[in-house]
Amino acid sequence: MKAYFKQLFEHEHWANLKVLETLILTKEPPQRAIEIFSHTIAAQRIWLDRIMGNKTELKVWEVFDTKIMLELLEINYSDLNKLLDNQDINQLINYQNSQGEPFTNTINQILTHLALHASYHRGQVVLLLKNQVDSLPTTDYIFYIR
């Protein structure tokens, strides 16, 4: 199962970088695209901090410039790999959501959420970029593994 998640997050990192590259190359990307992609990155960081028991200062809808997005993508990907190398993905994690409500989920449930969440929001960002760029990034998993 860990090998599956490693490949899934390799794809996610690759796809996120393709979307970020397109945002950077777009003359005037829609603000909503920046907000959504920032949210994707911030949410991943928040979940990783929850798993690792770290307090986070990030807000769920915090907005970043593209340089910070790239730095956070790299940090998040590194931490995801460390987590997969060193933690039992069946471990239960107790955490509070952004409203302070307590919940418990396994690491593998959280990782599944992260992968699906990022895919959903990448699709939104690409849709917002549709009339802004000549070539949209192709980020489907099957294109990554071919």
N, C-alpha and C. Protein backbone atom coordinates (compact mmCIF):
# COMPACT_ATOMS: atom_id res chain seq x y z
N MET A 1 0.82 -1.20 0.00
CA MET A 1 0.00 0.00 0.00
C MET A 1 0.86 1.26 0.00
N LYS A 2 1.99 1.22 0.71
CA LYS A 2 2.86 2.39 0.72
C LYS A 2 3.41 2.68 -0.67
N ALA A 3 3.74 1.63 -1.43
CA ALA A 3 4.25 1.82 -2.79
C ALA A 3 3.19 2.49 -3.66
N TYR A 4 1.94 2.10 -3.46
CA TYR A 4 0.84 2.73 -4.20
C TYR A 4 0.77 4.23 -3.89
N PHE A 5 0.81 4.58 -2.60
CA PHE A 5 0.75 5.98 -2.23
C PHE A 5 1.97 6.74 -2.73
N LYS A 6 3.14 6.12 -2.72
CA LYS A 6 4.33 6.78 -3.24
C LYS A 6 4.13 7.16 -4.70
N GLN A 7 3.63 6.21 -5.50
CA GLN A 7 3.41 6.50 -6.91
C GLN A 7 2.30 7.53 -7.09
N LEU A 8 1.26 7.45 -6.29
CA LEU A 8 0.17 8.41 -6.37
C LEU A 8 0.67 9.82 -6.10
N PHE A 9 1.52 9.97 -5.09
CA PHE A 9 2.01 11.31 -4.76
C PHE A 9 3.15 11.76 -5.68
N GLU A 10 3.84 10.82 -6.32
CA GLU A 10 4.78 11.21 -7.38
C GLU A 10 3.99 11.85 -8.52
N HIS A 11 2.87 11.20 -8.87
CA HIS A 11 2.00 11.76 -9.90
C HIS A 11 1.49 13.13 -9.48
N GLU A 12 1.01 13.22 -8.25
CA GLU A 12 0.45 14.49 -7.78
C GLU A 12 1.49 15.61 -7.86
N HIS A 13 2.71 15.31 -7.44
CA HIS A 13 3.77 16.32 -7.48
C HIS A 13 4.04 16.75 -8.92
N TRP A 14 4.15 15.79 -9.81
CA TRP A 14 4.37 16.05 -11.23
C TRP A 14 3.24 16.92 -11.78
N ALA A 15 2.00 16.55 -11.48
CA ALA A 15 0.84 17.28 -11.98
C ALA A 15 0.77 18.69 -11.39
N ASN A 16 1.06 18.82 -10.11
CA ASN A 16 1.05 20.14 -9.48
C ASN A 16 2.09 21.05 -10.11
N LEU A 17 3.27 20.50 -10.39
CA LEU A 17 4.32 21.31 -11.02
C LEU A 17 3.91 21.76 -12.42
N LYS A 18 3.21 20.90 -13.16
CA LYS A 18 2.74 21.28 -14.49
C LYS A 18 1.72 22.42 -14.41
N VAL A 19 0.82 22.33 -13.45
CA VAL A 19 -0.18 23.39 -13.29
C VAL A 19 0.50 24.68 -12.84
N LEU A 20 1.42 24.58 -11.90
CA LEU A 20 2.13 25.78 -11.43
C LEU A 20 2.92 26.42 -12.57
N GLU A 21 3.58 25.62 -13.38
CA GLU A 21 4.32 26.15 -14.53
C GLU A 21 3.39 26.93 -15.45
N THR A 22 2.20 26.40 -15.68
CA THR A 22 1.23 27.10 -16.53
C THR A 22 0.78 28.40 -15.89
N LEU A 23 0.55 28.38 -14.57
CA LEU A 23 0.19 29.62 -13.88
C LEU A 23 1.29 30.67 -14.02
N ILE A 24 2.53 30.23 -13.88
CA ILE A 24 3.67 31.16 -13.98
C ILE A 24 3.78 31.74 -15.38
N LEU A 25 3.53 30.92 -16.40
CA LEU A 25 3.67 31.37 -17.80
C LEU A 25 2.48 32.18 -18.30
N THR A 26 1.39 32.18 -17.53
CA THR A 26 0.21 32.94 -17.92
C THR A 26 0.41 34.41 -17.57
N LYS A 27 0.22 35.29 -18.57
CA LYS A 27 0.45 36.73 -18.34
C LYS A 27 -0.31 37.26 -17.14
N GLU A 28 -1.59 37.05 -17.14
CA GLU A 28 -2.44 37.50 -16.04
C GLU A 28 -3.38 36.37 -15.65
N PRO A 29 -2.88 35.43 -14.83
CA PRO A 29 -3.75 34.32 -14.44
C PRO A 29 -4.94 34.83 -13.63
N PRO A 30 -6.08 34.21 -13.79
CA PRO A 30 -7.24 34.63 -12.99
C PRO A 30 -6.93 34.50 -11.50
N GLN A 31 -7.32 35.51 -10.75
CA GLN A 31 -7.08 35.49 -9.31
C GLN A 31 -7.68 34.26 -8.66
N ARG A 32 -8.83 33.82 -9.16
CA ARG A 32 -9.47 32.64 -8.58
C ARG A 32 -8.61 31.39 -8.78
N ALA A 33 -7.90 31.31 -9.90
CA ALA A 33 -7.00 30.18 -10.14
C ALA A 33 -5.86 30.19 -9.12
N ILE A 34 -5.31 31.36 -8.84
CA ILE A 34 -4.25 31.49 -7.83
C ILE A 34 -4.79 31.09 -6.46
N GLU A 35 -6.00 31.55 -6.14
CA GLU A 35 -6.60 31.24 -4.84
C GLU A 35 -6.83 29.73 -4.68
N ILE A 36 -7.37 29.10 -5.70
CA ILE A 36 -7.67 27.67 -5.62
C ILE A 36 -6.39 26.85 -5.53
N PHE A 37 -5.40 27.19 -6.34
CA PHE A 37 -4.16 26.41 -6.30
C PHE A 37 -3.43 26.63 -4.97
N SER A 38 -3.45 27.85 -4.47
CA SER A 38 -2.88 28.12 -3.15
C SER A 38 -3.59 27.28 -2.08
N HIS A 39 -4.90 27.21 -2.17
CA HIS A 39 -5.69 26.42 -1.23
C HIS A 39 -5.26 24.95 -1.26
N THR A 40 -5.06 24.43 -2.44
CA THR A 40 -4.64 23.03 -2.59
C THR A 40 -3.34 22.78 -1.84
N ILE A 41 -2.39 23.68 -2.01
CA ILE A 41 -1.08 23.55 -1.38
C ILE A 41 -1.18 23.75 0.13
N ALA A 42 -1.94 24.77 0.55
CA ALA A 42 -2.09 25.05 1.98
C ALA A 42 -2.80 23.88 2.68
N ALA A 43 -3.83 23.35 2.06
CA ALA A 43 -4.56 22.24 2.67
C ALA A 43 -3.66 21.02 2.83
N GLN A 44 -2.84 20.76 1.84
CA GLN A 44 -1.90 19.63 1.95
C GLN A 44 -0.95 19.85 3.13
N ARG A 45 -0.44 21.06 3.26
CA ARG A 45 0.47 21.37 4.37
C ARG A 45 -0.23 21.20 5.71
N ILE A 46 -1.45 21.68 5.80
CA ILE A 46 -2.22 21.59 7.05
C ILE A 46 -2.43 20.12 7.42
N TRP A 47 -2.80 19.29 6.44
CA TRP A 47 -3.01 17.87 6.72
C TRP A 47 -1.71 17.19 7.13
N LEU A 48 -0.61 17.52 6.47
CA LEU A 48 0.67 16.93 6.85
C LEU A 48 1.04 17.33 8.28
N ASP A 49 0.80 18.59 8.62
CA ASP A 49 1.07 19.03 9.99
C ASP A 49 0.19 18.30 10.99
N ARG A 50 -1.06 18.05 10.65
CA ARG A 50 -1.94 17.29 11.53
C ARG A 50 -1.39 15.89 11.76
N ILE A 51 -0.99 15.24 10.68
CA ILE A 51 -0.46 13.87 10.78
C ILE A 51 0.80 13.86 11.66
N MET A 52 1.66 14.85 11.46
CA MET A 52 2.94 14.88 12.18
C MET A 52 2.82 15.49 13.57
N GLY A 53 1.62 15.93 13.93
CA GLY A 53 1.41 16.52 15.25
C GLY A 53 1.98 17.91 15.40
N ASN A 54 2.16 18.61 14.26
CA ASN A 54 2.70 19.97 14.30
C ASN A 54 1.58 21.00 14.26
N LYS A 55 1.80 22.10 14.94
CA LYS A 55 0.86 23.21 14.86
C LYS A 55 1.16 23.97 13.56
N THR A 56 0.12 24.33 12.86
CA THR A 56 0.31 25.07 11.62
C THR A 56 -0.20 26.50 11.77
N GLU A 57 0.47 27.39 11.09
CA GLU A 57 0.05 28.79 11.08
C GLU A 57 -0.73 29.12 9.81
N LEU A 58 -0.77 28.19 8.87
CA LEU A 58 -1.42 28.45 7.59
C LEU A 58 -2.94 28.44 7.73
N LYS A 59 -3.57 29.25 6.91
CA LYS A 59 -5.03 29.27 6.80
C LYS A 59 -5.42 28.40 5.61
N VAL A 60 -6.58 27.80 5.66
CA VAL A 60 -7.04 26.90 4.61
C VAL A 60 -7.11 27.60 3.25
N TRP A 61 -7.48 28.86 3.23
CA TRP A 61 -7.60 29.60 1.97
C TRP A 61 -6.54 30.70 1.87
N GLU A 62 -5.38 30.46 2.44
CA GLU A 62 -4.28 31.41 2.32
C GLU A 62 -3.83 31.49 0.86
N VAL A 63 -3.46 32.68 0.43
CA VAL A 63 -3.04 32.89 -0.97
C VAL A 63 -1.54 33.17 -0.99
N PHE A 64 -0.86 32.46 -1.91
CA PHE A 64 0.60 32.57 -2.03
C PHE A 64 0.98 33.10 -3.41
N ASP A 65 2.17 33.72 -3.48
CA ASP A 65 2.70 34.01 -4.82
C ASP A 65 3.33 32.72 -5.34
N THR A 66 3.64 32.70 -6.62
CA THR A 66 4.06 31.45 -7.25
C THR A 66 5.40 30.93 -6.71
N LYS A 67 6.27 31.82 -6.29
CA LYS A 67 7.56 31.37 -5.73
C LYS A 67 7.32 30.58 -4.43
N ILE A 68 6.44 31.08 -3.59
CA ILE A 68 6.11 30.40 -2.34
C ILE A 68 5.38 29.09 -2.64
N MET A 69 4.51 29.10 -3.65
CA MET A 69 3.83 27.86 -4.04
C MET A 69 4.85 26.77 -4.38
N LEU A 70 5.85 27.13 -5.16
CA LEU A 70 6.87 26.15 -5.55
C LEU A 70 7.62 25.64 -4.34
N GLU A 71 8.01 26.53 -3.44
CA GLU A 71 8.72 26.12 -2.22
C GLU A 71 7.86 25.17 -1.39
N LEU A 72 6.60 25.51 -1.21
CA LEU A 72 5.71 24.66 -0.40
C LEU A 72 5.44 23.32 -1.08
N LEU A 73 5.30 23.31 -2.39
CA LEU A 73 5.12 22.04 -3.09
C LEU A 73 6.30 21.11 -2.83
N GLU A 74 7.51 21.65 -2.88
CA GLU A 74 8.71 20.85 -2.66
C GLU A 74 8.78 20.36 -1.20
N ILE A 75 8.49 21.24 -0.26
CA ILE A 75 8.50 20.86 1.16
C ILE A 75 7.44 19.79 1.43
N ASN A 76 6.23 20.01 0.90
CA ASN A 76 5.15 19.05 1.11
C ASN A 76 5.51 17.68 0.53
N TYR A 77 6.07 17.68 -0.67
CA TYR A 77 6.41 16.41 -1.31
C TYR A 77 7.49 15.68 -0.51
N SER A 78 8.47 16.41 -0.05
CA SER A 78 9.52 15.80 0.78
C SER A 78 8.93 15.21 2.05
N ASP A 79 8.05 15.96 2.71
CA ASP A 79 7.43 15.47 3.95
C ASP A 79 6.51 14.29 3.69
N LEU A 80 5.83 14.27 2.57
CA LEU A 80 4.99 13.12 2.22
C LEU A 80 5.85 11.86 2.08
N ASN A 81 6.98 12.00 1.43
CA ASN A 81 7.87 10.84 1.27
C ASN A 81 8.42 10.37 2.61
N LYS A 82 8.80 11.30 3.47
CA LYS A 82 9.28 10.92 4.81
C LYS A 82 8.18 10.21 5.58
N LEU A 83 6.97 10.73 5.49
CA LEU A 83 5.84 10.12 6.18
C LEU A 83 5.63 8.70 5.69
N LEU A 84 5.66 8.50 4.38
CA LEU A 84 5.44 7.16 3.83
C LEU A 84 6.58 6.21 4.19
N ASP A 85 7.78 6.73 4.33
CA ASP A 85 8.92 5.90 4.70
C ASP A 85 8.91 5.51 6.17
N ASN A 86 8.36 6.38 7.01
CA ASN A 86 8.56 6.22 8.45
C ASN A 86 7.32 5.96 9.29
N GLN A 87 6.13 6.08 8.74
CA GLN A 87 4.94 5.93 9.57
C GLN A 87 4.06 4.79 9.10
N ASP A 88 3.33 4.22 10.02
CA ASP A 88 2.33 3.20 9.72
C ASP A 88 1.11 3.91 9.16
N ILE A 89 0.78 3.64 7.90
CA ILE A 89 -0.32 4.38 7.29
C ILE A 89 -1.70 3.95 7.82
N ASN A 90 -1.73 2.92 8.65
CA ASN A 90 -2.98 2.53 9.30
C ASN A 90 -3.15 3.20 10.66
N GLN A 91 -2.17 3.98 11.06
CA GLN A 91 -2.21 4.67 12.35
C GLN A 91 -3.37 5.67 12.38
N LEU A 92 -4.07 5.71 13.51
CA LEU A 92 -5.14 6.69 13.70
C LEU A 92 -4.54 8.03 14.08
N ILE A 93 -5.09 9.09 13.51
CA ILE A 93 -4.66 10.45 13.79
C ILE A 93 -5.85 11.21 14.37
N ASN A 94 -5.67 11.76 15.55
CA ASN A 94 -6.67 12.63 16.15
C ASN A 94 -6.31 14.07 15.79
N TYR A 95 -7.27 14.83 15.33
CA TYR A 95 -7.01 16.20 14.90
C TYR A 95 -8.27 17.02 15.05
N GLN A 96 -8.10 18.32 14.86
CA GLN A 96 -9.24 19.23 14.82
C GLN A 96 -9.29 19.86 13.44
N ASN A 97 -10.50 19.99 12.90
CA ASN A 97 -10.62 20.66 11.61
C ASN A 97 -10.47 22.17 11.80
N SER A 98 -10.62 22.92 10.72
CA SER A 98 -10.40 24.37 10.80
C SER A 98 -11.45 25.08 11.66
N GLN A 99 -12.55 24.41 11.98
CA GLN A 99 -13.56 24.97 12.88
C GLN A 99 -13.35 24.51 14.32
N GLY A 100 -12.29 23.73 14.56
CA GLY A 100 -11.99 23.27 15.90
C GLY A 100 -12.71 22.00 16.32
N GLU A 101 -13.42 21.36 15.39
CA GLU A 101 -14.14 20.12 15.71
C GLU A 101 -13.18 18.94 15.70
N PRO A 102 -13.29 18.04 16.68
CA PRO A 102 -12.37 16.89 16.74
C PRO A 102 -12.81 15.75 15.81
N PHE A 103 -11.83 15.12 15.19
CA PHE A 103 -12.06 13.97 14.32
C PHE A 103 -10.91 13.00 14.46
N THR A 104 -11.13 11.76 14.00
CA THR A 104 -10.09 10.73 13.97
C THR A 104 -10.19 10.01 12.63
N ASN A 105 -9.05 9.90 11.94
CA ASN A 105 -8.97 9.13 10.70
C ASN A 105 -7.62 8.46 10.64
N THR A 106 -7.52 7.42 9.80
CA THR A 106 -6.22 6.80 9.58
C THR A 106 -5.41 7.65 8.61
N ILE A 107 -4.10 7.46 8.66
CA ILE A 107 -3.23 8.17 7.72
C ILE A 107 -3.61 7.82 6.29
N ASN A 108 -3.91 6.55 6.00
CA ASN A 108 -4.24 6.21 4.61
C ASN A 108 -5.54 6.87 4.15
N GLN A 109 -6.49 7.08 5.05
CA GLN A 109 -7.70 7.82 4.69
C GLN A 109 -7.38 9.28 4.37
N ILE A 110 -6.52 9.86 5.17
CA ILE A 110 -6.13 11.25 4.96
C ILE A 110 -5.35 11.38 3.65
N LEU A 111 -4.45 10.46 3.38
CA LEU A 111 -3.67 10.50 2.14
C LEU A 111 -4.58 10.35 0.91
N THR A 112 -5.58 9.49 1.02
CA THR A 112 -6.53 9.34 -0.08
C THR A 112 -7.28 10.65 -0.30
N HIS A 113 -7.71 11.27 0.78
CA HIS A 113 -8.38 12.57 0.69
C HIS A 113 -7.47 13.59 0.00
N LEU A 114 -6.21 13.64 0.40
CA LEU A 114 -5.27 14.62 -0.18
C LEU A 114 -5.14 14.44 -1.68
N ALA A 115 -4.99 13.21 -2.13
CA ALA A 115 -4.83 12.96 -3.55
C ALA A 115 -6.09 13.37 -4.34
N LEU A 116 -7.25 13.00 -3.83
CA LEU A 116 -8.50 13.35 -4.51
C LEU A 116 -8.76 14.85 -4.47
N HIS A 117 -8.48 15.47 -3.35
CA HIS A 117 -8.67 16.91 -3.18
C HIS A 117 -7.81 17.68 -4.18
N ALA A 118 -6.56 17.30 -4.32
CA ALA A 118 -5.67 18.00 -5.24
C ALA A 118 -6.13 17.82 -6.69
N SER A 119 -6.56 16.62 -7.03
CA SER A 119 -7.01 16.36 -8.40
C SER A 119 -8.23 17.22 -8.74
N TYR A 120 -9.15 17.28 -7.81
CA TYR A 120 -10.36 18.09 -8.00
C TYR A 120 -10.00 19.56 -8.25
N HIS A 121 -9.15 20.11 -7.41
CA HIS A 121 -8.81 21.53 -7.54
C HIS A 121 -7.90 21.81 -8.73
N ARG A 122 -7.03 20.88 -9.11
CA ARG A 122 -6.25 21.08 -10.34
C ARG A 122 -7.19 21.22 -11.53
N GLY A 123 -8.24 20.41 -11.55
CA GLY A 123 -9.22 20.51 -12.63
C GLY A 123 -9.89 21.88 -12.66
N GLN A 124 -10.21 22.41 -11.50
CA GLN A 124 -10.81 23.75 -11.45
C GLN A 124 -9.85 24.80 -12.00
N VAL A 125 -8.58 24.71 -11.59
CA VAL A 125 -7.59 25.69 -12.03
C VAL A 125 -7.41 25.61 -13.55
N VAL A 126 -7.30 24.41 -14.08
CA VAL A 126 -7.13 24.25 -15.52
C VAL A 126 -8.33 24.83 -16.27
N LEU A 127 -9.51 24.61 -15.76
CA LEU A 127 -10.71 25.18 -16.38
C LEU A 127 -10.65 26.70 -16.39
N LEU A 128 -10.20 27.29 -15.30
CA LEU A 128 -10.08 28.75 -15.24
C LEU A 128 -9.02 29.29 -16.19
N LEU A 129 -8.04 28.47 -16.53
CA LEU A 129 -6.97 28.89 -17.44
C LEU A 129 -7.31 28.65 -18.91
N LYS A 130 -8.43 28.01 -19.17
CA LYS A 130 -8.77 27.54 -20.51
C LYS A 130 -8.61 28.59 -21.60
N ASN A 131 -9.07 29.78 -21.40
CA ASN A 131 -8.98 30.82 -22.42
C ASN A 131 -7.80 31.76 -22.21
N GLN A 132 -6.91 31.40 -21.30
CA GLN A 132 -5.77 32.26 -20.96
C GLN A 132 -4.46 31.81 -21.58
N VAL A 133 -4.38 30.53 -21.96
CA VAL A 133 -3.11 29.97 -22.46
C VAL A 133 -3.36 29.19 -23.75
N ASP A 134 -2.29 29.02 -24.53
CA ASP A 134 -2.41 28.27 -25.77
C ASP A 134 -2.54 26.77 -25.52
N SER A 135 -1.81 26.28 -24.52
CA SER A 135 -1.79 24.86 -24.24
C SER A 135 -2.01 24.60 -22.76
N LEU A 136 -3.06 23.88 -22.45
CA LEU A 136 -3.36 23.55 -21.06
C LEU A 136 -2.51 22.35 -20.61
N PRO A 137 -2.15 22.31 -19.34
CA PRO A 137 -1.37 21.17 -18.86
C PRO A 137 -2.22 19.90 -18.83
N THR A 138 -1.64 18.81 -19.27
CA THR A 138 -2.28 17.51 -19.20
C THR A 138 -1.74 16.82 -17.96
N THR A 139 -2.61 16.58 -16.99
CA THR A 139 -2.14 16.08 -15.70
C THR A 139 -2.76 14.74 -15.31
N ASP A 140 -3.45 14.10 -16.22
CA ASP A 140 -4.09 12.82 -15.91
C ASP A 140 -3.05 11.78 -15.50
N TYR A 141 -3.42 10.96 -14.57
CA TYR A 141 -2.54 9.91 -14.04
C TYR A 141 -2.01 9.01 -15.15
N ILE A 142 -2.87 8.64 -16.08
CA ILE A 142 -2.46 7.71 -17.13
C ILE A 142 -1.35 8.32 -18.00
N PHE A 143 -1.38 9.62 -18.22
CA PHE A 143 -0.30 10.27 -18.97
C PHE A 143 1.01 10.26 -18.19
N TYR A 144 0.90 10.31 -16.90
CA TYR A 144 2.10 10.28 -16.05
C TYR A 144 2.77 8.91 -16.10
N ILE A 145 2.00 7.84 -16.04
CA ILE A 145 2.62 6.52 -15.96
C ILE A 145 2.99 5.93 -17.31
N ARG A 146 2.57 6.53 -18.40
CA ARG A 146 2.90 6.00 -19.73
C ARG A 146 4.36 6.19 -20.05
